[in-house]
Amino acid sequence: MNNKVWKIFVLGAVFTIFSGCSVENFFEVQSAMNPPRLSENQNSIKEVVKEYFKSDVTWVYALLEGRYSAVVSADSLSSENNLKIVFCKSPDDSETIHILALIYQEKKYKVIDDVLVNGSDIEKFHIIDVDKDGNKEFVISVMGSEKFSKTFYAYKWDEKGISEIDLSQETIEKLKKENMEAYK
């Protein structure tokens, strides 16, 4: 009796594990060799940034809502719902991070603004109401070249572009605490 149960279990496991073997093209090598492709939207952003710098760039990845990305959809900052914030470095300068504002107009993205920040990396990206005016702004924590120092910068977006705003010490302490808790 025990032997029958064992055979049924093994047979069930085999059919479960190898159930995909009958799928057409399961062992097609070419499909396994192709890397994932960028979506049309991602590719158009990449091309606009490449055209803006007249060369390839080094992407800088910021943490937002548990995911790292070099391109952040910042629709909550714009009433037009088509704003992207891009973080990158030009090949000529590894200690300056470019914060590009891209707007989707006339069926393509356009660079509206380019803000420069000294630092080696962006640790985190926050979208919050910094100045308590009912409009959301974005805050980035930038790592210095020694990777231990951290500076917070806050920006607001309007139709003219990105402009830096002051952060209160209270907000800075709150963000530091949130960043520490995110890594526990």
C-alpha atoms as a PDB file:
ATOM      1  CA  MET A   1       0.000   0.000   0.000  1.00  0.00           C
ATOM      2  CA  ASN A   2       2.773   2.401   0.934  1.00  0.00           C
ATOM      3  CA  ASN A   3       4.530   1.607  -2.358  1.00  0.00           C
ATOM      4  CA  LYS A   4       1.405   2.570  -4.387  1.00  0.00           C
ATOM      5  CA  VAL A   5       1.132   5.952  -2.658  1.00  0.00           C
ATOM      6  CA  TRP A   6       4.809   6.608  -3.312  1.00  0.00           C
ATOM      7  CA  LYS A   7       4.455   5.764  -7.047  1.00  0.00           C
ATOM      8  CA  ILE A   8       1.414   8.069  -7.382  1.00  0.00           C
ATOM      9  CA  PHE A   9       3.294  10.880  -5.647  1.00  0.00           C
ATOM     10  CA  VAL A  10       6.354  10.487  -7.911  1.00  0.00           C
ATOM     11  CA  LEU A  11       4.208  10.328 -11.041  1.00  0.00           C
ATOM     12  CA  GLY A  12       2.321  13.477  -9.991  1.00  0.00           C
ATOM     13  CA  ALA A  13       5.596  15.274  -9.289  1.00  0.00           C
ATOM     14  CA  VAL A  14       7.013  14.297 -12.669  1.00  0.00           C
ATOM     15  CA  PHE A  15       3.921  15.531 -14.511  1.00  0.00           C
ATOM     16  CA  THR A  16       3.946  18.759 -12.492  1.00  0.00           C
ATOM     17  CA  ILE A  17       7.629  19.492 -13.046  1.00  0.00           C
ATOM     18  CA  PHE A  18       7.739  18.580 -16.723  1.00  0.00           C
ATOM     19  CA  SER A  19       4.295  19.774 -17.729  1.00  0.00           C
ATOM     20  CA  GLY A  20       5.816  22.487 -19.927  1.00  0.00           C
ATOM     21  CA  CYS A  21       7.874  20.045 -21.992  1.00  0.00           C
ATOM     22  CA  SER A  22       5.048  19.442 -24.396  1.00  0.00           C
ATOM     23  CA  VAL A  23       4.767  23.152 -25.166  1.00  0.00           C
ATOM     24  CA  GLU A  24       5.841  23.899 -28.724  1.00  0.00           C
ATOM     25  CA  ASN A  25       9.347  25.444 -28.981  1.00  0.00           C
ATOM     26  CA  PHE A  26      10.176  24.654 -25.340  1.00  0.00           C
ATOM     27  CA  PHE A  27      13.800  23.940 -26.192  1.00  0.00           C
ATOM     28  CA  GLU A  28      14.213  26.665 -28.817  1.00  0.00           C
ATOM     29  CA  VAL A  29      17.608  28.135 -28.011  1.00  0.00           C
ATOM     30  CA  GLN A  30      17.088  31.409 -29.873  1.00  0.00           C
ATOM     31  CA  SER A  31      14.163  32.459 -27.660  1.00  0.00           C
ATOM     32  CA  ALA A  32      16.291  31.939 -24.553  1.00  0.00           C
ATOM     33  CA  MET A  33      19.165  33.970 -26.021  1.00  0.00           C
ATOM     34  CA  ASN A  34      17.173  37.118 -26.802  1.00  0.00           C
ATOM     35  CA  PRO A  35      17.364  39.707 -24.021  1.00  0.00           C
ATOM     36  CA  PRO A  36      14.218  41.483 -22.890  1.00  0.00           C
ATOM     37  CA  ARG A  37      13.366  44.424 -25.129  1.00  0.00           C
ATOM     38  CA  LEU A  38      12.494  47.950 -24.105  1.00  0.00           C
ATOM     39  CA  SER A  39       8.933  49.015 -24.633  1.00  0.00           C
ATOM     40  CA  GLU A  40       8.258  51.662 -27.275  1.00  0.00           C
ATOM     41  CA  ASN A  41       7.821  54.247 -24.508  1.00  0.00           C
ATOM     42  CA  GLN A  42      11.095  53.274 -22.790  1.00  0.00           C
ATOM     43  CA  ASN A  43      12.960  53.254 -26.083  1.00  0.00           C
ATOM     44  CA  SER A  44      11.697  56.736 -27.010  1.00  0.00           C
ATOM     45  CA  ILE A  45      12.874  58.084 -23.636  1.00  0.00           C
ATOM     46  CA  LYS A  46      16.281  56.470 -24.128  1.00  0.00           C
ATOM     47  CA  GLU A  47      16.605  57.963 -27.614  1.00  0.00           C
ATOM     48  CA  VAL A  48      15.622  61.478 -26.471  1.00  0.00           C
ATOM     49  CA  VAL A  49      18.191  61.391 -23.665  1.00  0.00           C
ATOM     50  CA  LYS A  50      20.862  60.048 -26.025  1.00  0.00           C
ATOM     51  CA  GLU A  51      20.047  62.801 -28.533  1.00  0.00           C
ATOM     52  CA  TYR A  52      20.120  65.467 -25.789  1.00  0.00           C
ATOM     53  CA  PHE A  53      23.632  64.456 -24.673  1.00  0.00           C
ATOM     54  CA  LYS A  54      24.776  63.552 -28.194  1.00  0.00           C
ATOM     55  CA  SER A  55      26.097  60.273 -26.736  1.00  0.00           C
ATOM     56  CA  ASP A  56      25.157  57.401 -24.486  1.00  0.00           C
ATOM     57  CA  VAL A  57      24.723  58.143 -20.787  1.00  0.00           C
ATOM     58  CA  THR A  58      25.193  56.359 -17.511  1.00  0.00           C
ATOM     59  CA  TRP A  59      21.806  55.790 -15.900  1.00  0.00           C
ATOM     60  CA  VAL A  60      21.403  56.583 -12.209  1.00  0.00           C
ATOM     61  CA  TYR A  61      18.809  54.474 -10.409  1.00  0.00           C
ATOM     62  CA  ALA A  62      16.723  55.906  -7.567  1.00  0.00           C
ATOM     63  CA  LEU A  63      14.606  53.901  -5.141  1.00  0.00           C
ATOM     64  CA  LEU A  64      10.891  54.704  -5.267  1.00  0.00           C
ATOM     65  CA  GLU A  65       8.220  52.524  -3.690  1.00  0.00           C
ATOM     66  CA  GLY A  66      10.556  49.547  -3.366  1.00  0.00           C
ATOM     67  CA  ARG A  67      11.769  49.618  -6.993  1.00  0.00           C
ATOM     68  CA  TYR A  68      14.871  51.089  -8.580  1.00  0.00           C
ATOM     69  CA  SER A  69      14.456  53.096 -11.749  1.00  0.00           C
ATOM     70  CA  ALA A  70      16.326  55.728 -13.757  1.00  0.00           C
ATOM     71  CA  VAL A  71      13.026  57.017 -15.170  1.00  0.00           C
ATOM     72  CA  VAL A  72      10.283  58.016 -12.761  1.00  0.00           C
ATOM     73  CA  SER A  73       6.729  58.741 -13.828  1.00  0.00           C
ATOM     74  CA  ALA A  74       5.913  61.940 -11.966  1.00  0.00           C
ATOM     75  CA  ASP A  75       2.324  62.407 -13.115  1.00  0.00           C
ATOM     76  CA  SER A  76       1.258  63.507  -9.627  1.00  0.00           C
ATOM     77  CA  LEU A  77       3.504  66.574 -10.020  1.00  0.00           C
ATOM     78  CA  SER A  78       1.914  67.683 -13.290  1.00  0.00           C
ATOM     79  CA  SER A  79      -1.677  68.320 -14.246  1.00  0.00           C
ATOM     80  CA  GLU A  80      -0.841  67.126 -17.769  1.00  0.00           C
ATOM     81  CA  ASN A  81      -0.088  63.543 -16.592  1.00  0.00           C
ATOM     82  CA  ASN A  82       2.838  63.109 -18.952  1.00  0.00           C
ATOM     83  CA  LEU A  83       5.900  64.102 -16.922  1.00  0.00           C
ATOM     84  CA  LYS A  84       8.923  61.824 -16.595  1.00  0.00           C
ATOM     85  CA  ILE A  85      11.914  62.551 -14.366  1.00  0.00           C
ATOM     86  CA  VAL A  86      15.139  60.961 -15.636  1.00  0.00           C
ATOM     87  CA  PHE A  87      18.377  60.525 -13.673  1.00  0.00           C
ATOM     88  CA  CYS A  88      21.638  60.085 -15.557  1.00  0.00           C
ATOM     89  CA  LYS A  89      25.264  61.144 -15.867  1.00  0.00           C
ATOM     90  CA  SER A  90      27.039  62.348 -18.964  1.00  0.00           C
ATOM     91  CA  PRO A  91      30.024  60.241 -19.983  1.00  0.00           C
ATOM     92  CA  ASP A  92      32.341  63.199 -19.351  1.00  0.00           C
ATOM     93  CA  ASP A  93      31.410  63.806 -15.689  1.00  0.00           C
ATOM     94  CA  SER A  94      30.867  60.989 -13.197  1.00  0.00           C
ATOM     95  CA  GLU A  95      30.311  63.301 -10.204  1.00  0.00           C
ATOM     96  CA  THR A  96      27.370  65.294 -11.611  1.00  0.00           C
ATOM     97  CA  ILE A  97      23.880  63.833 -11.813  1.00  0.00           C
ATOM     98  CA  HIS A  98      21.488  65.276 -14.379  1.00  0.00           C
ATOM     99  CA  ILE A  99      17.825  65.451 -13.439  1.00  0.00           C
ATOM    100  CA  LEU A 100      15.937  65.743 -16.701  1.00  0.00           C
ATOM    101  CA  ALA A 101      12.272  66.661 -16.977  1.00  0.00           C
ATOM    102  CA  LEU A 102      10.656  65.081 -20.029  1.00  0.00           C
ATOM    103  CA  ILE A 103       7.189  65.914 -21.306  1.00  0.00           C
ATOM    104  CA  TYR A 104       5.278  63.896 -23.888  1.00  0.00           C
ATOM    105  CA  GLN A 105       4.104  66.312 -26.574  1.00  0.00           C
ATOM    106  CA  GLU A 106       3.232  65.809 -30.223  1.00  0.00           C
ATOM    107  CA  LYS A 107       3.734  62.031 -30.018  1.00  0.00           C
ATOM    108  CA  LYS A 108       7.277  62.193 -28.616  1.00  0.00           C
ATOM    109  CA  TYR A 109       9.185  63.121 -25.471  1.00  0.00           C
ATOM    110  CA  LYS A 110      10.997  66.429 -25.179  1.00  0.00           C
ATOM    111  CA  VAL A 111      13.584  67.525 -22.611  1.00  0.00           C
ATOM    112  CA  ILE A 112      12.100  70.543 -20.839  1.00  0.00           C
ATOM    113  CA  ASP A 113      14.673  71.056 -18.094  1.00  0.00           C
ATOM    114  CA  ASP A 114      18.061  69.785 -16.919  1.00  0.00           C
ATOM    115  CA  VAL A 115      19.044  70.305 -13.279  1.00  0.00           C
ATOM    116  CA  LEU A 116      22.568  69.406 -12.164  1.00  0.00           C
ATOM    117  CA  VAL A 117      23.327  67.905  -8.747  1.00  0.00           C
ATOM    118  CA  ASN A 118      26.778  67.111  -7.399  1.00  0.00           C
ATOM    119  CA  GLY A 119      26.960  63.546  -6.151  1.00  0.00           C
ATOM    120  CA  SER A 120      27.828  60.015  -7.094  1.00  0.00           C
ATOM    121  CA  ASP A 121      24.454  58.318  -6.672  1.00  0.00           C
ATOM    122  CA  ILE A 122      20.824  58.878  -5.761  1.00  0.00           C
ATOM    123  CA  GLU A 123      19.664  56.844  -2.836  1.00  0.00           C
ATOM    124  CA  LYS A 124      15.941  57.512  -2.830  1.00  0.00           C
ATOM    125  CA  PHE A 125      13.239  59.513  -4.602  1.00  0.00           C
ATOM    126  CA  HIS A 126      10.246  60.846  -2.625  1.00  0.00           C
ATOM    127  CA  ILE A 127       7.078  62.545  -3.860  1.00  0.00           C
ATOM    128  CA  ILE A 128       5.625  64.552  -0.963  1.00  0.00           C
ATOM    129  CA  ASP A 129       4.094  67.937  -0.146  1.00  0.00           C
ATOM    130  CA  VAL A 130       7.226  69.603   1.231  1.00  0.00           C
ATOM    131  CA  ASP A 131       5.977  73.151   1.708  1.00  0.00           C
ATOM    132  CA  LYS A 132       2.430  72.171   2.823  1.00  0.00           C
ATOM    133  CA  ASP A 133       0.770  74.139  -0.009  1.00  0.00           C
ATOM    134  CA  GLY A 134      -1.328  71.208  -1.248  1.00  0.00           C
ATOM    135  CA  ASN A 135       0.937  70.558  -4.261  1.00  0.00           C
ATOM    136  CA  LYS A 136       3.408  67.696  -4.335  1.00  0.00           C
ATOM    137  CA  GLU A 137       7.108  68.197  -4.842  1.00  0.00           C
ATOM    138  CA  PHE A 138       9.903  65.669  -5.194  1.00  0.00           C
ATOM    139  CA  VAL A 139      12.846  65.111  -2.887  1.00  0.00           C
ATOM    140  CA  ILE A 140      15.977  63.152  -3.660  1.00  0.00           C
ATOM    141  CA  SER A 141      18.656  61.948  -1.280  1.00  0.00           C
ATOM    142  CA  VAL A 142      22.011  62.181  -3.009  1.00  0.00           C
ATOM    143  CA  MET A 143      25.052  60.204  -1.928  1.00  0.00           C
ATOM    144  CA  GLY A 144      28.415  61.946  -1.969  1.00  0.00           C
ATOM    145  CA  SER A 145      31.504  60.434  -3.535  1.00  0.00           C
ATOM    146  CA  GLU A 146      32.505  58.894  -0.193  1.00  0.00           C
ATOM    147  CA  LYS A 147      29.091  57.117  -0.068  1.00  0.00           C
ATOM    148  CA  PHE A 148      28.575  58.011   3.608  1.00  0.00           C
ATOM    149  CA  SER A 149      27.444  61.602   3.259  1.00  0.00           C
ATOM    150  CA  LYS A 150      23.896  62.245   2.147  1.00  0.00           C
ATOM    151  CA  THR A 151      22.256  65.475   1.024  1.00  0.00           C
ATOM    152  CA  PHE A 152      18.547  66.048   0.476  1.00  0.00           C
ATOM    153  CA  TYR A 153      17.304  68.268  -2.339  1.00  0.00           C
ATOM    154  CA  ALA A 154      13.693  69.289  -2.921  1.00  0.00           C
ATOM    155  CA  TYR A 155      12.235  70.447  -6.235  1.00  0.00           C
ATOM    156  CA  LYS A 156       8.915  71.630  -7.513  1.00  0.00           C
ATOM    157  CA  TRP A 157       7.618  71.341 -11.023  1.00  0.00           C
ATOM    158  CA  ASP A 158       5.677  73.933 -12.989  1.00  0.00           C
ATOM    159  CA  GLU A 159       5.241  74.684 -16.677  1.00  0.00           C
ATOM    160  CA  LYS A 160       8.578  76.554 -16.687  1.00  0.00           C
ATOM    161  CA  GLY A 161      10.525  73.538 -15.428  1.00  0.00           C
ATOM    162  CA  ILE A 162      12.141  72.288 -12.240  1.00  0.00           C
ATOM    163  CA  SER A 163      13.111  74.686  -9.476  1.00  0.00           C
ATOM    164  CA  GLU A 164      14.775  73.924  -6.166  1.00  0.00           C
ATOM    165  CA  ILE A 165      12.944  74.723  -2.932  1.00  0.00           C
ATOM    166  CA  ASP A 166      14.186  74.822   0.648  1.00  0.00           C
ATOM    167  CA  LEU A 167      13.650  71.905   2.993  1.00  0.00           C
ATOM    168  CA  SER A 168      12.897  72.433   6.651  1.00  0.00           C
ATOM    169  CA  GLN A 169      15.125  70.662   9.162  1.00  0.00           C
ATOM    170  CA  GLU A 170      12.032  68.828  10.387  1.00  0.00           C
ATOM    171  CA  THR A 171      11.389  67.397   6.894  1.00  0.00           C
ATOM    172  CA  ILE A 172      15.053  66.406   6.510  1.00  0.00           C
ATOM    173  CA  GLU A 173      14.973  64.531   9.831  1.00  0.00           C
ATOM    174  CA  LYS A 174      11.720  62.805   8.838  1.00  0.00           C
ATOM    175  CA  LEU A 175      13.217  61.697   5.509  1.00  0.00           C
ATOM    176  CA  LYS A 176      16.403  60.466   7.191  1.00  0.00           C
ATOM    177  CA  LYS A 177      14.297  58.392   9.565  1.00  0.00           C
ATOM    178  CA  GLU A 178      12.227  56.950   6.677  1.00  0.00           C
ATOM    179  CA  ASN A 179      15.398  56.072   4.776  1.00  0.00           C
ATOM    180  CA  MET A 180      16.864  54.296   7.819  1.00  0.00           C
ATOM    181  CA  GLU A 181      13.651  52.309   8.331  1.00  0.00           C
ATOM    182  CA  ALA A 182      13.573  51.278   4.660  1.00  0.00           C
ATOM    183  CA  TYR A 183      16.904  49.474   5.074  1.00  0.00           C
ATOM    184  CA  LYS A 184      16.044  47.576   8.288  1.00  0.00           C
END
